[in-house]
Amino acid sequence: MGRKLDLSGLTDDETEHVLQVVQRDFNLRKKEEERLSELKQKLDEEGSKCSILSKHQQFVEHCCMRCCSPFTFLVNTKRQCGDCKFNVCKSCCSYQKHEKAWICCVCQQAR
């Protein structure tokens, strides 16, 4: 990316336009970098939470690992995430048809 642009053949308006495009690109890249950094931090925090909660077998069997809501028969049944293998509720996962598996919201973000 470290190439230099030769703007000598452009008019002042064209040069200004090119510089605006480059500045917009720089701002978008910076924004995306910040977004990815925040997402990584959230995933790290979620991983820490799960490592603590997963040590309590009673919790793992009876509550959603993502939102901590209790599982109930028929109303809020548990599903196992195909990636992390944690039990999650219906609102914290989605079915992936091509994999024929439930994937939790955190694993979807990590993908």
Protein backbone atom coordinates (compact mmCIF):
# COMPACT_ATOMS: atom_id res chain seq x y z
CA MET A 1 0.00 0.00 0.00
CA GLY A 2 2.96 2.36 0.44
CA ARG A 3 2.85 3.67 -3.15
CA LYS A 4 3.01 7.39 -3.86
CA LEU A 5 0.46 8.99 -6.12
CA ASP A 6 1.55 11.30 -8.92
CA LEU A 7 -1.11 13.98 -8.86
CA SER A 8 0.82 16.46 -11.03
CA GLY A 9 -1.35 15.85 -14.11
CA LEU A 10 -4.62 16.57 -12.30
CA THR A 11 -6.46 19.83 -11.88
CA ASP A 12 -6.81 21.32 -8.40
CA ASP A 13 -10.42 20.08 -8.18
CA GLU A 14 -9.44 16.57 -9.23
CA THR A 15 -6.56 16.54 -6.76
CA GLU A 16 -8.89 17.69 -3.97
CA HIS A 17 -11.37 14.96 -4.90
CA VAL A 18 -8.66 12.27 -4.83
CA LEU A 19 -7.47 13.49 -1.44
CA GLN A 20 -11.02 13.39 -0.09
CA VAL A 21 -11.43 9.79 -1.29
CA VAL A 22 -8.13 8.79 0.31
CA GLN A 23 -9.12 10.50 3.57
CA ARG A 24 -12.51 8.73 3.55
CA ASP A 25 -10.75 5.41 2.98
CA PHE A 26 -8.38 6.13 5.87
CA ASN A 27 -11.31 7.02 8.17
CA LEU A 28 -13.26 3.89 7.18
CA ARG A 29 -10.24 1.66 7.79
CA LYS A 30 -9.68 3.25 11.19
CA LYS A 31 -13.37 2.82 12.09
CA GLU A 32 -13.30 -0.83 11.02
CA GLU A 33 -10.14 -1.43 13.03
CA GLU A 34 -11.84 0.04 16.13
CA ARG A 35 -14.96 -2.07 15.53
CA LEU A 36 -12.91 -5.25 15.24
CA SER A 37 -10.95 -4.34 18.36
CA GLU A 38 -14.20 -3.86 20.33
CA LEU A 39 -15.58 -7.14 19.00
CA LYS A 40 -12.41 -8.98 20.02
CA GLN A 41 -12.64 -7.48 23.50
CA LYS A 42 -16.30 -8.56 23.82
CA LEU A 43 -15.42 -12.09 22.69
CA ASP A 44 -12.56 -12.24 25.20
CA GLU A 45 -14.89 -11.10 28.00
CA GLU A 46 -17.49 -13.67 26.96
CA GLY A 47 -14.81 -16.37 26.96
CA SER A 48 -13.77 -15.43 30.48
CA LYS A 49 -17.39 -15.53 31.67
CA CYS A 50 -17.94 -18.93 30.08
CA SER A 51 -14.76 -20.41 31.54
CA ILE A 52 -15.95 -19.45 35.02
CA LEU A 53 -19.55 -20.61 34.54
CA SER A 54 -18.60 -23.87 32.84
CA LYS A 55 -16.95 -25.07 36.05
CA HIS A 56 -20.39 -25.27 37.67
CA GLN A 57 -22.04 -28.37 36.21
CA GLN A 58 -25.46 -27.55 37.69
CA PHE A 59 -25.45 -24.19 35.91
CA VAL A 60 -24.29 -25.69 32.60
CA GLU A 61 -27.10 -28.24 32.60
CA HIS A 62 -29.92 -25.93 33.66
CA CYS A 63 -29.13 -22.46 32.26
CA CYS A 64 -28.15 -20.85 28.97
CA MET A 65 -24.43 -20.18 28.87
CA ARG A 66 -24.95 -16.91 26.97
CA CYS A 67 -27.88 -15.14 28.65
CA CYS A 68 -28.09 -17.22 31.87
CA SER A 69 -31.82 -17.83 31.50
CA PRO A 70 -33.04 -21.16 32.88
CA PHE A 71 -34.11 -23.93 30.52
CA THR A 72 -37.74 -25.03 30.80
CA PHE A 73 -39.57 -27.89 29.20
CA LEU A 74 -41.12 -26.88 25.85
CA VAL A 75 -40.89 -23.10 26.46
CA ASN A 76 -37.15 -22.52 26.57
CA THR A 77 -35.44 -25.75 25.59
CA LYS A 78 -31.70 -26.12 25.44
CA ARG A 79 -29.68 -26.58 22.29
CA GLN A 80 -26.02 -27.44 22.04
CA CYS A 81 -23.81 -25.11 20.01
CA GLY A 82 -21.98 -26.98 17.27
CA ASP A 83 -18.80 -24.94 17.81
CA CYS A 84 -18.32 -24.35 21.55
CA LYS A 85 -20.56 -27.26 22.66
CA PHE A 86 -22.22 -25.15 25.38
CA ASN A 87 -25.96 -25.44 26.02
CA VAL A 88 -27.79 -22.31 24.88
CA CYS A 89 -31.41 -21.21 24.60
CA LYS A 90 -33.28 -20.64 21.36
CA SER A 91 -32.90 -16.85 21.51
CA CYS A 92 -29.10 -17.11 21.82
CA CYS A 93 -28.51 -19.30 18.76
CA SER A 94 -29.56 -19.93 15.20
CA TYR A 95 -29.80 -23.03 13.07
CA GLN A 96 -27.22 -23.37 10.29
CA LYS A 97 -28.89 -25.41 7.55
CA HIS A 98 -25.73 -26.27 5.62
CA GLU A 99 -24.07 -27.59 8.81
CA LYS A 100 -27.29 -29.00 10.27
CA ALA A 101 -26.29 -27.59 13.65
CA TRP A 102 -27.21 -24.86 16.13
CA ILE A 103 -24.57 -22.13 16.49
CA CYS A 104 -24.64 -19.69 19.40
CA CYS A 105 -24.49 -15.94 18.85
CA VAL A 106 -20.95 -15.66 20.25
CA CYS A 107 -19.56 -18.35 17.95
CA GLN A 108 -21.30 -16.66 15.02
CA GLN A 109 -19.54 -13.40 15.87
CA ALA A 110 -16.22 -15.18 16.26
CA ARG A 111 -16.62 -16.66 12.78
